[in-house]
C-alpha cells in the first residue's frame, strides 16, 4: 500500500509537470 502511494504521488507530479509544461508552451497567461 505504501509503495502504491509513492507511485501515485510520482505519477501525479509527472502529470502536473506535463500539464504545466503544455500550458507554458501554449501561452504564458495563467
PDB file of N, CA and C in Angstrom:
ATOM      1  N   UNK A   1       0.846  -1.200   0.000  1.00  0.00           N
ATOM      2  CA  UNK A   1       0.000   0.000   0.000  1.00  0.00           C
ATOM      3  C   UNK A   1       0.882   1.251   0.000  1.00  0.00           C
ATOM      4  N   UNK A   2       1.960   1.201   0.789  1.00  0.00           N
ATOM      5  CA  UNK A   2       2.837   2.371   0.859  1.00  0.00           C
ATOM      6  C   UNK A   2       3.508   2.617  -0.490  1.00  0.00           C
ATOM      7  N   UNK A   3       3.921   1.528  -1.148  1.00  0.00           N
ATOM      8  CA  UNK A   3       4.568   1.658  -2.459  1.00  0.00           C
ATOM      9  C   UNK A   3       3.595   2.262  -3.462  1.00  0.00           C
ATOM     10  N   UNK A   4       2.333   1.821  -3.396  1.00  0.00           N
ATOM     11  CA  UNK A   4       1.324   2.348  -4.314  1.00  0.00           C
ATOM     12  C   UNK A   4       1.152   3.846  -4.102  1.00  0.00           C
ATOM     13  N   UNK A   5       1.186   4.271  -2.865  1.00  0.00           N
ATOM     14  CA  UNK A   5       1.030   5.697  -2.557  1.00  0.00           C
ATOM     15  C   UNK A   5       2.172   6.507  -3.156  1.00  0.00           C
ATOM     16  N   UNK A   6       3.399   5.981  -3.008  1.00  0.00           N
ATOM     17  CA  UNK A   6       4.553   6.694  -3.563  1.00  0.00           C
ATOM     18  C   UNK A   6       4.453   6.757  -5.075  1.00  0.00           C
ATOM     19  N   UNK A   7       4.049   5.647  -5.694  1.00  0.00           N
ATOM     20  CA  UNK A   7       3.929   5.611  -7.157  1.00  0.00           C
ATOM     21  C   UNK A   7       2.876   6.611  -7.617  1.00  0.00           C
ATOM     22  N   UNK A   8       1.748   6.652  -6.910  1.00  0.00           N
ATOM     23  CA  UNK A   8       0.672   7.578  -7.278  1.00  0.00           C
ATOM     24  C   UNK A   8       1.166   9.020  -7.131  1.00  0.00           C
ATOM     25  N   UNK A   9       1.945   9.280  -6.089  1.00  0.00           N
ATOM     26  CA  UNK A   9       2.468  10.633  -5.863  1.00  0.00           C
ATOM     27  C   UNK A   9       3.396  11.043  -7.005  1.00  0.00           C
ATOM     28  N   UNK A  10       4.287  10.127  -7.405  1.00  0.00           N
ATOM     29  CA  UNK A  10       5.212  10.416  -8.511  1.00  0.00           C
ATOM     30  C   UNK A  10       4.435  10.625  -9.797  1.00  0.00           C
ATOM     31  N   UNK A  11       3.440   9.763 -10.030  1.00  0.00           N
ATOM     32  CA  UNK A  11       2.636   9.879 -11.253  1.00  0.00           C
ATOM     33  C   UNK A  11       1.918  11.220 -11.280  1.00  0.00           C
ATOM     34  N   UNK A  12       1.371  11.625 -10.145  1.00  0.00           N
ATOM     35  CA  UNK A  12       0.656  12.911 -10.062  1.00  0.00           C
ATOM     36  C   UNK A  12       1.621  14.052 -10.363  1.00  0.00           C
ATOM     37  N   UNK A  13       2.825  13.978  -9.794  1.00  0.00           N
ATOM     38  CA  UNK A  13       3.814  15.030 -10.020  1.00  0.00           C
ATOM     39  C   UNK A  13       4.150  15.137 -11.496  1.00  0.00           C
ATOM     40  N   UNK A  14       4.330  13.977 -12.151  1.00  0.00           N
ATOM     41  CA  UNK A  14       4.650  13.991 -13.580  1.00  0.00           C
ATOM     42  C   UNK A  14       3.510  14.604 -14.367  1.00  0.00           C
ATOM     43  N   UNK A  15       2.259  14.230 -14.001  1.00  0.00           N
ATOM     44  CA  UNK A  15       1.094  14.768 -14.718  1.00  0.00           C
ATOM     45  C   UNK A  15       1.053  16.287 -14.576  1.00  0.00           C
ATOM     46  N   UNK A  16       1.297  16.780 -13.367  1.00  0.00           N
ATOM     47  CA  UNK A  16       1.254  18.223 -13.134  1.00  0.00           C
ATOM     48  C   UNK A  16       2.351  18.919 -13.932  1.00  0.00           C
ATOM     49  N   UNK A  17       3.539  18.301 -13.974  1.00  0.00           N
ATOM     50  CA  UNK A  17       4.643  18.916 -14.713  1.00  0.00           C
ATOM     51  C   UNK A  17       4.329  18.954 -16.195  1.00  0.00           C
ATOM     52  N   UNK A  18       3.774  17.872 -16.723  1.00  0.00           N
ATOM     53  CA  UNK A  18       3.449  17.809 -18.152  1.00  0.00           C
ATOM     54  C   UNK A  18       2.391  18.854 -18.488  1.00  0.00           C
ATOM     55  N   UNK A  19       1.342  18.935 -17.677  1.00  0.00           N
ATOM     56  CA  UNK A  19       0.270  19.904 -17.938  1.00  0.00           C
ATOM     57  C   UNK A  19       0.818  21.328 -17.818  1.00  0.00           C
ATOM     58  N   UNK A  20       1.679  21.555 -16.832  1.00  0.00           N
ATOM     59  CA  UNK A  20       2.264  22.882 -16.651  1.00  0.00           C
ATOM     60  C   UNK A  20       3.137  23.237 -17.850  1.00  0.00           C
ATOM     61  N   UNK A  21       3.913  22.268 -18.338  1.00  0.00           N
ATOM     62  CA  UNK A  21       4.784  22.497 -19.491  1.00  0.00           C
ATOM     63  C   UNK A  21       3.954  22.810 -20.728  1.00  0.00           C
ATOM     64  N   UNK A  22       2.857  22.081 -20.902  1.00  0.00           N
ATOM     65  CA  UNK A  22       1.986  22.315 -22.059  1.00  0.00           C
ATOM     66  C   UNK A  22       1.380  23.712 -21.973  1.00  0.00           C
ATOM     67  N   UNK A  23       0.938  24.107 -20.783  1.00  0.00           N
ATOM     68  CA  UNK A  23       0.346  25.435 -20.614  1.00  0.00           C
ATOM     69  C   UNK A  23       1.392  26.519 -20.893  1.00  0.00           C
ATOM     70  N   UNK A  24       2.622  26.285 -20.458  1.00  0.00           N
ATOM     71  CA  UNK A  24       3.677  27.275 -20.655  1.00  0.00           C
ATOM     72  C   UNK A  24       3.993  27.419 -22.137  1.00  0.00           C
ATOM     73  N   UNK A  25       4.074  26.297 -22.847  1.00  0.00           N
ATOM     74  CA  UNK A  25       4.424  26.355 -24.267  1.00  0.00           C
ATOM     75  C   UNK A  25       3.271  26.929 -25.091  1.00  0.00           C
ATOM     76  N   UNK A  26       2.037  26.698 -24.652  1.00  0.00           N
ATOM     77  CA  UNK A  26       0.881  27.192 -25.411  1.00  0.00           C
ATOM     78  C   UNK A  26       0.656  28.681 -25.130  1.00  0.00           C
ATOM     79  N   UNK A  27       0.923  29.102 -23.889  1.00  0.00           N
ATOM     80  CA  UNK A  27       0.732  30.516 -23.541  1.00  0.00           C
ATOM     81  C   UNK A  27       1.173  30.779 -22.117  1.00  0.00           C
ATOM     82  N   UNK A  28       1.848  31.899 -21.887  1.00  0.00           N
ATOM     83  CA  UNK A  28       2.338  32.184 -20.546  1.00  0.00           C
ATOM     84  C   UNK A  28       1.246  32.752 -19.650  1.00  0.00           C
ATOM     85  N   UNK A  29       0.075  33.036 -20.196  1.00  0.00           N
ATOM     86  CA  UNK A  29      -1.006  33.594 -19.385  1.00  0.00           C
ATOM     87  C   UNK A  29      -1.544  32.530 -18.433  1.00  0.00           C
ATOM     88  N   UNK A  30      -1.760  32.880 -17.180  1.00  0.00           N
ATOM     89  CA  UNK A  30      -2.228  31.922 -16.170  1.00  0.00           C
ATOM     90  C   UNK A  30      -3.652  31.458 -16.423  1.00  0.00           C
TER      91      UNK A  30
END
